[in-house]
């Protein structure tokens, strides 16, 4: 009877403990084995290391132009930001110069009694400066539109409306890019190592998360994914299969009150993806643990998503 009970207890242990016959009240370090460098699925800063190739329907990026601009790198964003304003000013400057040319203001600017469309506009450079002054509402008062130029009044209205649209889009794009959630993640710290050890007589995978700022993340929730290659029973190979790691979503422990560093725990039981992974398999197999923390930034009210991946496992 005693031997049968011991065999039943062994069967309830995870595979890496069953094979090595390790006692659950001891901890062991996984030896650092020399591994060749490999591409990560998600970088440590939360950036997904996935590149889309052979995309035929590239027009879809232009259908959501605002998000496309936000996703660009900073140097491209600054270049496009500057280019849009300069081209807009040049375009309307050309139209102001064209109106002055058609009306004859460039030829009769010095004649007494001649009323130009725009006073003191006598070249393309002055038309360009007037375009900048109009759109940025500087209004130095040296170059001003007269009331005897209906085409100029219409152009002024068009430039004011289109200029407001350009300002809203460009300034909004830069604001969203500056306030992206990954910037908030710089002061949110994850532990560099995930520990597999005994906690409350249960074998658990644990890691720590803490917030350095005094402004907290409101309604914070956390979830985790195990990403590894897997082959189905039918023989299908899935290179990046995603499996949920239960860190309390069935008990509510995934809802965090993140005012001090917290230890996040995952029990390795029969439902855990680590249950059938031996110690040797953990040392050699290439897998990643992606932890996603979501919440509302208290200071700005903006939603924030922070990601971490593949902490080093310690047993």
C-alpha atoms as a PDB file:
ATOM      1  CA  UNK A   1       0.000   0.000   0.000  1.00  0.00           C
ATOM      2  CA  UNK A   2       2.753   2.398   0.913  1.00  0.00           C
ATOM      3  CA  UNK A   3       4.637   1.710  -2.319  1.00  0.00           C
ATOM      4  CA  UNK A   4       1.492   2.177  -4.421  1.00  0.00           C
ATOM      5  CA  UNK A   5       0.826   5.502  -2.690  1.00  0.00           C
ATOM      6  CA  UNK A   6       4.383   6.660  -3.421  1.00  0.00           C
ATOM      7  CA  UNK A   7       3.984   5.751  -7.104  1.00  0.00           C
ATOM      8  CA  UNK A   8       0.729   7.705  -7.280  1.00  0.00           C
ATOM      9  CA  UNK A   9       2.416  10.742  -5.699  1.00  0.00           C
ATOM     10  CA  UNK A  10       5.252  10.564  -8.227  1.00  0.00           C
ATOM     11  CA  UNK A  11       2.759  10.584 -11.114  1.00  0.00           C
ATOM     12  CA  UNK A  12       1.333  13.888  -9.843  1.00  0.00           C
ATOM     13  CA  UNK A  13       4.701  15.608 -10.112  1.00  0.00           C
ATOM     14  CA  UNK A  14       5.811  17.547 -13.190  1.00  0.00           C
ATOM     15  CA  UNK A  15       7.876  15.665 -15.740  1.00  0.00           C
ATOM     16  CA  UNK A  16      11.183  17.309 -14.882  1.00  0.00           C
ATOM     17  CA  UNK A  17      10.706  16.286 -11.242  1.00  0.00           C
ATOM     18  CA  UNK A  18       9.484  12.776 -12.077  1.00  0.00           C
ATOM     19  CA  UNK A  19      12.453  12.032 -14.301  1.00  0.00           C
ATOM     20  CA  UNK A  20      15.128  13.486 -12.067  1.00  0.00           C
ATOM     21  CA  UNK A  21      13.331  12.403  -8.832  1.00  0.00           C
ATOM     22  CA  UNK A  22      13.953  15.807  -7.285  1.00  0.00           C
ATOM     23  CA  UNK A  23      12.415  16.620  -3.905  1.00  0.00           C
ATOM     24  CA  UNK A  24       9.911  19.501  -4.045  1.00  0.00           C
ATOM     25  CA  UNK A  25      11.391  21.255  -1.027  1.00  0.00           C
ATOM     26  CA  UNK A  26      14.719  21.973  -2.745  1.00  0.00           C
ATOM     27  CA  UNK A  27      15.672  24.401  -5.495  1.00  0.00           C
ATOM     28  CA  UNK A  28      18.181  23.781  -8.246  1.00  0.00           C
ATOM     29  CA  UNK A  29      19.738  26.107 -10.762  1.00  0.00           C
ATOM     30  CA  UNK A  30      19.496  25.280 -14.436  1.00  0.00           C
ATOM     31  CA  UNK A  31      23.042  25.218 -15.707  1.00  0.00           C
ATOM     32  CA  UNK A  32      23.785  27.841 -18.294  1.00  0.00           C
ATOM     33  CA  UNK A  33      24.438  25.936 -21.465  1.00  0.00           C
ATOM     34  CA  UNK A  34      26.168  27.411 -24.465  1.00  0.00           C
ATOM     35  CA  UNK A  35      23.443  28.273 -26.932  1.00  0.00           C
ATOM     36  CA  UNK A  36      23.835  29.793 -30.303  1.00  0.00           C
ATOM     37  CA  UNK A  37      22.255  33.232 -30.696  1.00  0.00           C
ATOM     38  CA  UNK A  38      18.742  33.106 -32.063  1.00  0.00           C
ATOM     39  CA  UNK A  39      16.151  35.552 -33.238  1.00  0.00           C
ATOM     40  CA  UNK A  40      13.655  36.600 -30.612  1.00  0.00           C
ATOM     41  CA  UNK A  41       9.946  36.681 -31.292  1.00  0.00           C
ATOM     42  CA  UNK A  42       9.594  39.742 -29.055  1.00  0.00           C
ATOM     43  CA  UNK A  43      12.473  41.977 -28.004  1.00  0.00           C
ATOM     44  CA  UNK A  44      13.157  42.875 -24.374  1.00  0.00           C
ATOM     45  CA  UNK A  45      11.751  46.368 -24.958  1.00  0.00           C
ATOM     46  CA  UNK A  46       8.439  44.867 -26.116  1.00  0.00           C
ATOM     47  CA  UNK A  47       9.004  45.335 -29.851  1.00  0.00           C
ATOM     48  CA  UNK A  48       7.743  42.403 -31.913  1.00  0.00           C
ATOM     49  CA  UNK A  49      10.533  41.061 -34.084  1.00  0.00           C
ATOM     50  CA  UNK A  50       8.241  40.139 -36.978  1.00  0.00           C
ATOM     51  CA  UNK A  51       8.721  41.509 -40.471  1.00  0.00           C
ATOM     52  CA  UNK A  52       6.012  41.146 -43.101  1.00  0.00           C
ATOM     53  CA  UNK A  53       7.358  40.218 -46.493  1.00  0.00           C
ATOM     54  CA  UNK A  54       5.828  39.794 -49.930  1.00  0.00           C
ATOM     55  CA  UNK A  55       2.867  42.001 -49.080  1.00  0.00           C
ATOM     56  CA  UNK A  56       0.885  42.559 -52.266  1.00  0.00           C
ATOM     57  CA  UNK A  57      -1.886  44.842 -50.993  1.00  0.00           C
ATOM     58  CA  UNK A  58       0.324  47.714 -49.823  1.00  0.00           C
ATOM     59  CA  UNK A  59      -2.516  50.171 -50.441  1.00  0.00           C
ATOM     60  CA  UNK A  60      -4.058  49.021 -47.156  1.00  0.00           C
ATOM     61  CA  UNK A  61      -1.353  50.962 -45.292  1.00  0.00           C
ATOM     62  CA  UNK A  62      -2.500  54.167 -46.983  1.00  0.00           C
ATOM     63  CA  UNK A  63      -6.133  53.527 -46.035  1.00  0.00           C
ATOM     64  CA  UNK A  64      -5.060  53.995 -42.401  1.00  0.00           C
ATOM     65  CA  UNK A  65      -2.582  56.785 -43.021  1.00  0.00           C
ATOM     66  CA  UNK A  66      -2.567  58.131 -39.457  1.00  0.00           C
ATOM     67  CA  UNK A  67      -1.503  54.804 -37.918  1.00  0.00           C
ATOM     68  CA  UNK A  68       1.068  54.332 -40.680  1.00  0.00           C
ATOM     69  CA  UNK A  69       2.656  57.680 -39.818  1.00  0.00           C
ATOM     70  CA  UNK A  70       2.670  56.848 -36.109  1.00  0.00           C
ATOM     71  CA  UNK A  71       4.389  53.513 -36.755  1.00  0.00           C
ATOM     72  CA  UNK A  72       7.247  55.090 -38.718  1.00  0.00           C
ATOM     73  CA  UNK A  73      10.666  55.571 -37.192  1.00  0.00           C
ATOM     74  CA  UNK A  74      11.445  58.907 -35.598  1.00  0.00           C
ATOM     75  CA  UNK A  75      13.761  60.126 -38.359  1.00  0.00           C
ATOM     76  CA  UNK A  76      11.129  59.387 -41.003  1.00  0.00           C
ATOM     77  CA  UNK A  77       8.443  61.017 -38.878  1.00  0.00           C
ATOM     78  CA  UNK A  78      10.477  64.223 -38.530  1.00  0.00           C
ATOM     79  CA  UNK A  79      11.256  64.202 -42.253  1.00  0.00           C
ATOM     80  CA  UNK A  80       7.604  63.767 -43.253  1.00  0.00           C
ATOM     81  CA  UNK A  81       6.503  66.321 -40.628  1.00  0.00           C
ATOM     82  CA  UNK A  82       8.864  68.935 -42.093  1.00  0.00           C
ATOM     83  CA  UNK A  83       8.192  67.961 -45.700  1.00  0.00           C
ATOM     84  CA  UNK A  84       4.400  68.257 -45.373  1.00  0.00           C
ATOM     85  CA  UNK A  85       4.593  71.782 -43.946  1.00  0.00           C
ATOM     86  CA  UNK A  86       7.196  73.009 -46.436  1.00  0.00           C
ATOM     87  CA  UNK A  87       5.308  71.620 -49.434  1.00  0.00           C
ATOM     88  CA  UNK A  88       2.058  73.095 -48.138  1.00  0.00           C
ATOM     89  CA  UNK A  89       3.633  76.522 -47.726  1.00  0.00           C
ATOM     90  CA  UNK A  90       5.281  76.310 -51.168  1.00  0.00           C
ATOM     91  CA  UNK A  91       2.044  75.243 -52.830  1.00  0.00           C
ATOM     92  CA  UNK A  92      -0.017  78.114 -51.445  1.00  0.00           C
ATOM     93  CA  UNK A  93       2.893  80.504 -51.940  1.00  0.00           C
ATOM     94  CA  UNK A  94       2.858  79.580 -55.617  1.00  0.00           C
ATOM     95  CA  UNK A  95      -0.896  80.236 -55.782  1.00  0.00           C
ATOM     96  CA  UNK A  96      -0.482  83.675 -54.175  1.00  0.00           C
ATOM     97  CA  UNK A  97       2.314  84.481 -56.613  1.00  0.00           C
ATOM     98  CA  UNK A  98       0.176  83.227 -59.528  1.00  0.00           C
ATOM     99  CA  UNK A  99      -2.726  85.491 -58.506  1.00  0.00           C
ATOM    100  CA  UNK A 100      -0.378  88.467 -58.306  1.00  0.00           C
ATOM    101  CA  UNK A 101       1.064  87.589 -61.722  1.00  0.00           C
ATOM    102  CA  UNK A 102      -2.342  87.206 -63.420  1.00  0.00           C
ATOM    103  CA  UNK A 103      -3.682  90.445 -61.908  1.00  0.00           C
ATOM    104  CA  UNK A 104      -0.549  92.331 -62.935  1.00  0.00           C
ATOM    105  CA  UNK A 105       0.440  93.221 -59.370  1.00  0.00           C
ATOM    106  CA  UNK A 106       4.061  92.274 -60.051  1.00  0.00           C
ATOM    107  CA  UNK A 107       4.271  94.796 -62.906  1.00  0.00           C
ATOM    108  CA  UNK A 108       2.231  97.659 -61.416  1.00  0.00           C
ATOM    109  CA  UNK A 109       3.236  97.289 -57.772  1.00  0.00           C
ATOM    110  CA  UNK A 110       5.027 100.674 -57.735  1.00  0.00           C
ATOM    111  CA  UNK A 111       2.295 102.639 -59.542  1.00  0.00           C
ATOM    112  CA  UNK A 112       0.274 105.120 -57.525  1.00  0.00           C
ATOM    113  CA  UNK A 113      -3.433 104.340 -57.270  1.00  0.00           C
ATOM    114  CA  UNK A 114      -2.944 100.635 -58.033  1.00  0.00           C
ATOM    115  CA  UNK A 115      -4.604  98.345 -55.491  1.00  0.00           C
ATOM    116  CA  UNK A 116      -2.866  94.939 -55.447  1.00  0.00           C
ATOM    117  CA  UNK A 117      -4.415  91.718 -54.146  1.00  0.00           C
ATOM    118  CA  UNK A 118      -1.755  91.523 -51.445  1.00  0.00           C
ATOM    119  CA  UNK A 119       0.168  94.627 -50.514  1.00  0.00           C
ATOM    120  CA  UNK A 120       3.979  94.435 -50.642  1.00  0.00           C
ATOM    121  CA  UNK A 121       3.924  91.129 -52.538  1.00  0.00           C
ATOM    122  CA  UNK A 122       6.360  91.642 -55.411  1.00  0.00           C
ATOM    123  CA  UNK A 123       8.124  88.283 -55.883  1.00  0.00           C
ATOM    124  CA  UNK A 124       7.787  84.542 -55.297  1.00  0.00           C
ATOM    125  CA  UNK A 125       9.838  84.824 -52.090  1.00  0.00           C
ATOM    126  CA  UNK A 126       7.457  87.409 -50.656  1.00  0.00           C
ATOM    127  CA  UNK A 127       4.515  85.202 -51.716  1.00  0.00           C
ATOM    128  CA  UNK A 128       6.120  82.261 -49.905  1.00  0.00           C
ATOM    129  CA  UNK A 129       6.605  84.373 -46.780  1.00  0.00           C
ATOM    130  CA  UNK A 130       2.980  85.549 -46.963  1.00  0.00           C
ATOM    131  CA  UNK A 131       1.859  81.905 -47.196  1.00  0.00           C
ATOM    132  CA  UNK A 132       3.826  81.065 -44.022  1.00  0.00           C
ATOM    133  CA  UNK A 133       2.504  84.126 -42.197  1.00  0.00           C
ATOM    134  CA  UNK A 134      -1.072  83.273 -43.171  1.00  0.00           C
ATOM    135  CA  UNK A 135      -1.001  79.603 -42.169  1.00  0.00           C
ATOM    136  CA  UNK A 136       0.908  80.112 -38.932  1.00  0.00           C
ATOM    137  CA  UNK A 137      -1.215  83.207 -38.082  1.00  0.00           C
ATOM    138  CA  UNK A 138       1.899  85.279 -37.474  1.00  0.00           C
ATOM    139  CA  UNK A 139       0.532  88.298 -39.327  1.00  0.00           C
ATOM    140  CA  UNK A 140       3.377  90.825 -39.204  1.00  0.00           C
ATOM    141  CA  UNK A 141       1.128  93.387 -40.930  1.00  0.00           C
ATOM    142  CA  UNK A 142       3.578  94.236 -43.700  1.00  0.00           C
ATOM    143  CA  UNK A 143       1.971  91.965 -46.289  1.00  0.00           C
ATOM    144  CA  UNK A 144      -1.835  92.068 -46.026  1.00  0.00           C
ATOM    145  CA  UNK A 145      -4.687  91.092 -48.348  1.00  0.00           C
ATOM    146  CA  UNK A 146      -6.948  93.869 -49.674  1.00  0.00           C
ATOM    147  CA  UNK A 147     -10.731  93.813 -49.906  1.00  0.00           C
ATOM    148  CA  UNK A 148     -10.727  94.267 -53.711  1.00  0.00           C
ATOM    149  CA  UNK A 149      -9.447  90.757 -54.382  1.00  0.00           C
ATOM    150  CA  UNK A 150     -12.263  88.148 -54.195  1.00  0.00           C
ATOM    151  CA  UNK A 151     -10.043  85.360 -55.539  1.00  0.00           C
ATOM    152  CA  UNK A 152      -7.511  86.126 -52.805  1.00  0.00           C
ATOM    153  CA  UNK A 153     -10.224  86.002 -50.120  1.00  0.00           C
ATOM    154  CA  UNK A 154     -11.346  82.580 -51.374  1.00  0.00           C
ATOM    155  CA  UNK A 155      -7.749  81.322 -51.412  1.00  0.00           C
ATOM    156  CA  UNK A 156      -7.266  82.660 -47.891  1.00  0.00           C
ATOM    157  CA  UNK A 157     -10.294  80.671 -46.679  1.00  0.00           C
ATOM    158  CA  UNK A 158      -9.082  77.505 -48.412  1.00  0.00           C
ATOM    159  CA  UNK A 159      -5.596  77.831 -46.951  1.00  0.00           C
ATOM    160  CA  UNK A 160      -6.958  78.449 -43.464  1.00  0.00           C
ATOM    161  CA  UNK A 161      -9.176  75.346 -43.611  1.00  0.00           C
ATOM    162  CA  UNK A 162      -6.583  73.033 -45.154  1.00  0.00           C
ATOM    163  CA  UNK A 163      -3.904  74.407 -42.860  1.00  0.00           C
ATOM    164  CA  UNK A 164      -6.021  73.512 -39.835  1.00  0.00           C
ATOM    165  CA  UNK A 165      -6.424  69.955 -41.156  1.00  0.00           C
ATOM    166  CA  UNK A 166      -2.669  69.619 -41.714  1.00  0.00           C
ATOM    167  CA  UNK A 167      -1.943  70.966 -38.228  1.00  0.00           C
ATOM    168  CA  UNK A 168      -4.449  68.615 -36.611  1.00  0.00           C
ATOM    169  CA  UNK A 169      -3.018  65.571 -38.385  1.00  0.00           C
ATOM    170  CA  UNK A 170       0.677  66.331 -37.995  1.00  0.00           C
ATOM    171  CA  UNK A 171       0.513  67.590 -34.403  1.00  0.00           C
ATOM    172  CA  UNK A 172      -1.814  64.744 -33.426  1.00  0.00           C
ATOM    173  CA  UNK A 173       0.526  62.218 -35.027  1.00  0.00           C
ATOM    174  CA  UNK A 174       3.529  63.558 -33.133  1.00  0.00           C
ATOM    175  CA  UNK A 175       1.585  63.680 -29.856  1.00  0.00           C
ATOM    176  CA  UNK A 176       0.488  60.055 -30.172  1.00  0.00           C
ATOM    177  CA  UNK A 177       4.015  59.003 -31.082  1.00  0.00           C
ATOM    178  CA  UNK A 178       5.497  60.789 -28.049  1.00  0.00           C
ATOM    179  CA  UNK A 179       2.895  59.399 -25.645  1.00  0.00           C
ATOM    180  CA  UNK A 180       3.091  55.766 -26.786  1.00  0.00           C
ATOM    181  CA  UNK A 181       2.744  53.172 -23.990  1.00  0.00           C
ATOM    182  CA  UNK A 182       6.252  51.807 -24.523  1.00  0.00           C
ATOM    183  CA  UNK A 183       7.644  55.063 -23.118  1.00  0.00           C
ATOM    184  CA  UNK A 184       5.716  54.422 -19.887  1.00  0.00           C
ATOM    185  CA  UNK A 185       7.284  50.955 -19.795  1.00  0.00           C
ATOM    186  CA  UNK A 186      10.721  52.453 -19.159  1.00  0.00           C
ATOM    187  CA  UNK A 187       9.846  52.853 -15.458  1.00  0.00           C
ATOM    188  CA  UNK A 188       8.048  49.517 -15.154  1.00  0.00           C
ATOM    189  CA  UNK A 189      10.529  46.859 -14.087  1.00  0.00           C
ATOM    190  CA  UNK A 190      10.318  43.104 -14.603  1.00  0.00           C
ATOM    191  CA  UNK A 191      12.654  40.596 -12.980  1.00  0.00           C
ATOM    192  CA  UNK A 192      15.404  39.335 -15.280  1.00  0.00           C
ATOM    193  CA  UNK A 193      14.924  35.738 -14.136  1.00  0.00           C
ATOM    194  CA  UNK A 194      11.822  33.628 -13.687  1.00  0.00           C
ATOM    195  CA  UNK A 195      12.119  31.183 -10.786  1.00  0.00           C
ATOM    196  CA  UNK A 196      10.615  27.696 -10.611  1.00  0.00           C
ATOM    197  CA  UNK A 197      10.375  26.804  -6.937  1.00  0.00           C
ATOM    198  CA  UNK A 198       8.019  25.590  -4.204  1.00  0.00           C
ATOM    199  CA  UNK A 199       5.483  28.074  -2.822  1.00  0.00           C
ATOM    200  CA  UNK A 200       2.742  26.996  -0.412  1.00  0.00           C
ATOM    201  CA  UNK A 201       3.569  23.349  -1.136  1.00  0.00           C
ATOM    202  CA  UNK A 202       3.010  23.941  -4.864  1.00  0.00           C
ATOM    203  CA  UNK A 203       5.594  24.056  -7.611  1.00  0.00           C
ATOM    204  CA  UNK A 204       5.288  27.496  -9.196  1.00  0.00           C
ATOM    205  CA  UNK A 205       6.822  29.613 -11.916  1.00  0.00           C
ATOM    206  CA  UNK A 206       7.364  33.074 -10.429  1.00  0.00           C
ATOM    207  CA  UNK A 207       8.652  36.474 -11.510  1.00  0.00           C
ATOM    208  CA  UNK A 208       8.405  39.981 -10.098  1.00  0.00           C
ATOM    209  CA  UNK A 209       7.030  43.226 -11.487  1.00  0.00           C
ATOM    210  CA  UNK A 210       7.296  46.708  -9.990  1.00  0.00           C
ATOM    211  CA  UNK A 211       6.507  50.310 -10.901  1.00  0.00           C
ATOM    212  CA  UNK A 212       9.081  53.041 -10.221  1.00  0.00           C
ATOM    213  CA  UNK A 213       6.761  56.028 -10.677  1.00  0.00           C
ATOM    214  CA  UNK A 214       4.571  57.568  -8.002  1.00  0.00           C
ATOM    215  CA  UNK A 215       1.762  57.887 -10.571  1.00  0.00           C
ATOM    216  CA  UNK A 216       0.279  54.420 -10.629  1.00  0.00           C
ATOM    217  CA  UNK A 217      -1.174  52.266 -13.371  1.00  0.00           C
ATOM    218  CA  UNK A 218      -4.905  52.002 -12.686  1.00  0.00           C
ATOM    219  CA  UNK A 219      -6.884  48.794 -13.338  1.00  0.00           C
ATOM    220  CA  UNK A 220      -3.728  46.896 -14.156  1.00  0.00           C
ATOM    221  CA  UNK A 221      -4.124  43.350 -15.433  1.00  0.00           C
ATOM    222  CA  UNK A 222      -1.442  40.861 -16.426  1.00  0.00           C
ATOM    223  CA  UNK A 223      -1.380  37.805 -18.649  1.00  0.00           C
ATOM    224  CA  UNK A 224       1.317  35.549 -20.055  1.00  0.00           C
ATOM    225  CA  UNK A 225       1.891  33.459 -23.162  1.00  0.00           C
ATOM    226  CA  UNK A 226       4.258  30.571 -23.852  1.00  0.00           C
ATOM    227  CA  UNK A 227       5.567  30.749 -27.416  1.00  0.00           C
ATOM    228  CA  UNK A 228       7.321  27.724 -28.861  1.00  0.00           C
ATOM    229  CA  UNK A 229       7.303  25.405 -31.842  1.00  0.00           C
ATOM    230  CA  UNK A 230       4.825  22.552 -31.684  1.00  0.00           C
ATOM    231  CA  UNK A 231       3.723  19.630 -33.800  1.00  0.00           C
ATOM    232  CA  UNK A 232       0.101  18.515 -33.719  1.00  0.00           C
ATOM    233  CA  UNK A 233      -1.095  14.915 -33.537  1.00  0.00           C
ATOM    234  CA  UNK A 234      -1.879  15.101 -37.248  1.00  0.00           C
ATOM    235  CA  UNK A 235       1.732  16.032 -38.023  1.00  0.00           C
ATOM    236  CA  UNK A 236       1.207  19.751 -38.657  1.00  0.00           C
ATOM    237  CA  UNK A 237       4.185  21.866 -37.564  1.00  0.00           C
ATOM    238  CA  UNK A 238       3.311  25.200 -35.901  1.00  0.00           C
ATOM    239  CA  UNK A 239       6.474  27.351 -35.652  1.00  0.00           C
ATOM    240  CA  UNK A 240       5.125  29.965 -33.204  1.00  0.00           C
ATOM    241  CA  UNK A 241       2.352  28.355 -31.234  1.00  0.00           C
ATOM    242  CA  UNK A 242       0.901  30.486 -28.413  1.00  0.00           C
ATOM    243  CA  UNK A 243      -0.277  28.842 -25.198  1.00  0.00           C
ATOM    244  CA  UNK A 244      -1.874  30.655 -22.269  1.00  0.00           C
ATOM    245  CA  UNK A 245      -0.051  30.561 -18.943  1.00  0.00           C
ATOM    246  CA  UNK A 246      -2.529  30.810 -16.091  1.00  0.00           C
ATOM    247  CA  UNK A 247      -1.346  33.508 -13.696  1.00  0.00           C
ATOM    248  CA  UNK A 248      -4.653  34.011 -11.951  1.00  0.00           C
ATOM    249  CA  UNK A 249      -7.301  34.877 -14.528  1.00  0.00           C
ATOM    250  CA  UNK A 250      -9.643  32.223 -13.061  1.00  0.00           C
ATOM    251  CA  UNK A 251      -9.207  33.513  -9.491  1.00  0.00           C
ATOM    252  CA  UNK A 252      -8.863  37.240 -10.150  1.00  0.00           C
ATOM    253  CA  UNK A 253      -5.192  37.332  -9.127  1.00  0.00           C
ATOM    254  CA  UNK A 254      -4.328  38.740 -12.547  1.00  0.00           C
ATOM    255  CA  UNK A 255      -5.901  42.082 -11.477  1.00  0.00           C
ATOM    256  CA  UNK A 256      -3.033  43.964  -9.854  1.00  0.00           C
ATOM    257  CA  UNK A 257      -2.856  46.818  -7.363  1.00  0.00           C
ATOM    258  CA  UNK A 258       0.593  47.878  -8.487  1.00  0.00           C
ATOM    259  CA  UNK A 259       1.750  50.231  -5.733  1.00  0.00           C
ATOM    260  CA  UNK A 260       4.677  48.035  -4.659  1.00  0.00           C
ATOM    261  CA  UNK A 261       6.653  45.220  -6.330  1.00  0.00           C
ATOM    262  CA  UNK A 262       4.540  42.103  -6.722  1.00  0.00           C
ATOM    263  CA  UNK A 263       5.437  38.462  -7.296  1.00  0.00           C
ATOM    264  CA  UNK A 264       3.396  36.905 -10.095  1.00  0.00           C
ATOM    265  CA  UNK A 265       2.935  33.161  -9.690  1.00  0.00           C
ATOM    266  CA  UNK A 266       1.912  30.372 -12.060  1.00  0.00           C
ATOM    267  CA  UNK A 267       1.181  26.963 -10.558  1.00  0.00           C
ATOM    268  CA  UNK A 268       2.683  24.096 -12.554  1.00  0.00           C
ATOM    269  CA  UNK A 269      -0.165  21.583 -12.462  1.00  0.00           C
ATOM    270  CA  UNK A 270      -1.737  19.196 -14.951  1.00  0.00           C
ATOM    271  CA  UNK A 271      -3.152  22.146 -16.942  1.00  0.00           C
ATOM    272  CA  UNK A 272       0.196  23.964 -17.133  1.00  0.00           C
ATOM    273  CA  UNK A 273       2.159  23.874 -20.425  1.00  0.00           C
ATOM    274  CA  UNK A 274       5.284  23.143 -18.348  1.00  0.00           C
ATOM    275  CA  UNK A 275       3.821  19.960 -16.840  1.00  0.00           C
ATOM    276  CA  UNK A 276       5.232  17.642 -19.506  1.00  0.00           C
ATOM    277  CA  UNK A 277       8.526  19.538 -19.953  1.00  0.00           C
ATOM    278  CA  UNK A 278      11.552  17.833 -18.410  1.00  0.00           C
ATOM    279  CA  UNK A 279      14.530  19.690 -16.985  1.00  0.00           C
ATOM    280  CA  UNK A 280      16.698  18.684 -19.954  1.00  0.00           C
ATOM    281  CA  UNK A 281      13.965  19.885 -22.319  1.00  0.00           C
ATOM    282  CA  UNK A 282      13.782  23.243 -20.560  1.00  0.00           C
ATOM    283  CA  UNK A 283      17.545  23.614 -20.946  1.00  0.00           C
ATOM    284  CA  UNK A 284      17.618  22.812 -24.657  1.00  0.00           C
ATOM    285  CA  UNK A 285      14.244  23.794 -26.083  1.00  0.00           C
ATOM    286  CA  UNK A 286      13.835  27.266 -27.540  1.00  0.00           C
ATOM    287  CA  UNK A 287      10.754  28.937 -26.129  1.00  0.00           C
ATOM    288  CA  UNK A 288       9.751  32.373 -24.939  1.00  0.00           C
ATOM    289  CA  UNK A 289       7.495  33.595 -22.163  1.00  0.00           C
ATOM    290  CA  UNK A 290       5.732  36.809 -23.131  1.00  0.00           C
ATOM    291  CA  UNK A 291       4.190  38.754 -20.242  1.00  0.00           C
ATOM    292  CA  UNK A 292       1.686  41.487 -21.129  1.00  0.00           C
ATOM    293  CA  UNK A 293       0.637  44.086 -18.554  1.00  0.00           C
ATOM    294  CA  UNK A 294      -2.294  46.340 -19.412  1.00  0.00           C
ATOM    295  CA  UNK A 295      -3.672  49.284 -17.504  1.00  0.00           C
ATOM    296  CA  UNK A 296      -4.604  52.963 -17.458  1.00  0.00           C
ATOM    297  CA  UNK A 297      -1.911  55.553 -16.766  1.00  0.00           C
ATOM    298  CA  UNK A 298      -3.134  57.610 -13.816  1.00  0.00           C
ATOM    299  CA  UNK A 299      -1.381  60.840 -14.827  1.00  0.00           C
ATOM    300  CA  UNK A 300      -2.688  61.016 -18.417  1.00  0.00           C
ATOM    301  CA  UNK A 301      -5.647  58.621 -18.517  1.00  0.00           C
ATOM    302  CA  UNK A 302      -4.144  56.908 -21.560  1.00  0.00           C
ATOM    303  CA  UNK A 303      -4.235  53.113 -21.892  1.00  0.00           C
ATOM    304  CA  UNK A 304      -0.849  51.442 -21.576  1.00  0.00           C
ATOM    305  CA  UNK A 305       0.415  48.032 -22.703  1.00  0.00           C
ATOM    306  CA  UNK A 306       3.824  46.781 -21.610  1.00  0.00           C
ATOM    307  CA  UNK A 307       5.421  43.541 -22.767  1.00  0.00           C
ATOM    308  CA  UNK A 308       8.316  41.433 -21.496  1.00  0.00           C
ATOM    309  CA  UNK A 309       9.660  38.189 -22.807  1.00  0.00           C
ATOM    310  CA  UNK A 310      11.782  35.185 -21.987  1.00  0.00           C
ATOM    311  CA  UNK A 311      13.139  35.699 -18.497  1.00  0.00           C
ATOM    312  CA  UNK A 312      15.892  33.223 -17.658  1.00  0.00           C
ATOM    313  CA  UNK A 313      14.421  30.196 -15.886  1.00  0.00           C
ATOM    314  CA  UNK A 314      15.880  29.236 -12.513  1.00  0.00           C
ATOM    315  CA  UNK A 315      14.797  26.101 -10.653  1.00  0.00           C
END
